[in-house]
Structure formats: C-alpha cells, structure tokens
C-alpha cells in the first residue's frame, strides 16, 4: 500500500481541479437551466478547492521552513552532536545496506 504524503495529496488535488476545469470548458456550449445550475455549483466548488489548496500549500511551506530553521539552529548550537548523529545514522545505514 502506498504511503500518502501531503505533497502527493496536493498534487492529486491540483489534478482534480484541472480535470474539473477541463470538464467545465468542454460543457461550455451546453445550454439549459439544469446545466447552468450544475456549472455554477461546480465553479463555486472549484473556487473553494483552489483557495483551500493555496492555504494548505502555504501552511506546508511555513511548517517546512520553520522546521528547517529549527534544525539549523540546533546544528549551529551543537555542531559536534550533529556530527555524531550523522555518523551514527550513516553507520546504521551502511550496516543495513551491507547485509543485502
């Protein structure tokens, strides 16, 4: 089973929005009261989805930036600890990959 990441989810949402926009363009020539109501509802849903995607994208970007700043600050405060942790992770990965 594939692990769903927030980036994958955002890509999927963008694809759905793009497909819905293409569908609305394809049905632009259709007339009728029912079609107009459906198109208006779909356009409103698309606007809402675009806004939510933008908000979620900004939130993910801010969270990632803050995490990077925090890690940078920790590494600068404790450089030898960071070197030790990196060496330990490298050793563990080397052992695990060497077993194959």
Protein backbone atom coordinates (compact mmCIF):
# COMPACT_ATOMS: atom_id res chain seq x y z
CA UNK A 1 0.00 0.00 0.00
CA UNK A 2 1.34 3.42 -0.97
CA UNK A 3 2.00 5.94 1.77
CA UNK A 4 0.13 9.17 1.12
CA UNK A 5 2.19 12.28 1.74
CA UNK A 6 0.88 15.80 1.92
CA UNK A 7 2.74 16.66 -1.29
CA UNK A 8 1.14 13.71 -3.11
CA UNK A 9 -2.25 14.76 -1.80
CA UNK A 10 -1.69 18.32 -3.03
CA UNK A 11 -0.68 17.03 -6.48
CA UNK A 12 -3.81 14.88 -6.62
CA UNK A 13 -5.99 17.84 -5.62
CA UNK A 14 -4.41 20.02 -8.31
CA UNK A 15 -5.06 17.28 -10.87
CA UNK A 16 -8.71 17.02 -9.83
CA UNK A 17 -9.13 20.80 -10.10
CA UNK A 18 -7.50 20.83 -13.54
CA UNK A 19 -9.74 17.98 -14.72
CA UNK A 20 -12.84 19.76 -13.41
CA UNK A 21 -11.80 22.96 -15.20
CA UNK A 22 -11.38 20.97 -18.43
CA UNK A 23 -14.83 19.44 -17.93
CA UNK A 24 -16.39 22.88 -17.42
CA UNK A 25 -14.71 24.16 -20.58
CA UNK A 26 -15.92 21.13 -22.55
CA UNK A 27 -19.52 21.68 -21.46
CA UNK A 28 -19.46 25.44 -22.03
CA UNK A 29 -21.59 25.06 -25.16
CA UNK A 30 -24.32 23.13 -23.36
CA UNK A 31 -27.45 25.07 -22.53
CA UNK A 32 -30.35 24.60 -20.22
CA UNK A 33 -31.35 25.63 -16.75
CA UNK A 34 -30.18 22.42 -15.12
CA UNK A 35 -26.77 22.57 -16.84
CA UNK A 36 -26.34 26.19 -15.77
CA UNK A 37 -27.08 25.33 -12.13
CA UNK A 38 -24.63 22.43 -12.20
CA UNK A 39 -21.95 24.57 -13.86
CA UNK A 40 -22.41 27.35 -11.28
CA UNK A 41 -22.15 24.87 -8.42
CA UNK A 42 -19.06 23.25 -9.97
CA UNK A 43 -17.40 26.63 -10.50
CA UNK A 44 -18.03 27.57 -6.86
CA UNK A 45 -16.61 24.23 -5.71
CA UNK A 46 -13.54 24.83 -7.86
CA UNK A 47 -13.00 28.29 -6.37
CA UNK A 48 -13.27 26.82 -2.88
CA UNK A 49 -10.88 23.98 -3.73
CA UNK A 50 -8.33 26.39 -5.25
CA UNK A 51 -8.46 28.57 -2.14
CA UNK A 52 -8.03 25.57 0.16
CA UNK A 53 -5.11 24.30 -1.92
CA UNK A 54 -3.42 27.69 -1.67
CA UNK A 55 -3.96 27.86 2.09
CA UNK A 56 -2.74 24.30 2.62
CA UNK A 57 0.26 24.89 0.39
CA UNK A 58 1.24 28.00 2.36
CA UNK A 59 0.80 26.14 5.65
CA UNK A 60 3.01 23.27 4.50
CA UNK A 61 5.63 25.70 3.24
CA UNK A 62 5.62 27.65 6.52
CA UNK A 63 5.86 24.47 8.58
CA UNK A 64 8.72 23.16 6.47
CA UNK A 65 10.57 26.47 6.68
CA UNK A 66 10.14 26.61 10.45
CA UNK A 67 11.36 23.01 10.82
CA UNK A 68 14.42 23.77 8.68
CA UNK A 69 15.19 26.84 10.78
CA UNK A 70 14.85 24.83 13.97
CA UNK A 71 17.18 22.10 12.72
CA UNK A 72 19.67 24.71 11.50
CA UNK A 73 19.62 26.40 14.91
CA UNK A 74 20.14 23.07 16.71
CA UNK A 75 23.05 22.15 14.44
CA UNK A 76 24.68 25.54 14.94
CA UNK A 77 24.21 25.29 18.72
CA UNK A 78 25.52 21.72 18.94
CA UNK A 79 27.78 21.05 15.94
CA UNK A 80 29.59 18.04 17.42
CA UNK A 81 26.34 16.41 18.44
CA UNK A 82 25.07 16.86 14.88
CA UNK A 83 28.25 15.30 13.51
CA UNK A 84 27.87 12.36 15.90
CA UNK A 85 24.24 11.81 14.97
CA UNK A 86 25.05 11.98 11.25
CA UNK A 87 27.89 9.49 11.69
CA UNK A 88 25.62 7.15 13.65
CA UNK A 89 22.90 7.29 11.01
CA UNK A 90 25.50 6.69 8.30
CA UNK A 91 26.88 3.69 10.20
CA UNK A 92 23.43 2.16 10.67
CA UNK A 93 22.54 2.69 7.00
CA UNK A 94 25.88 1.21 5.95
CA UNK A 95 25.29 -1.88 8.05
CA UNK A 96 21.74 -2.31 6.77
CA UNK A 97 22.72 -1.84 3.13
CA UNK A 98 25.77 -4.07 3.56
CA UNK A 99 23.57 -7.00 4.59
CA UNK A 100 21.88 -7.15 1.22
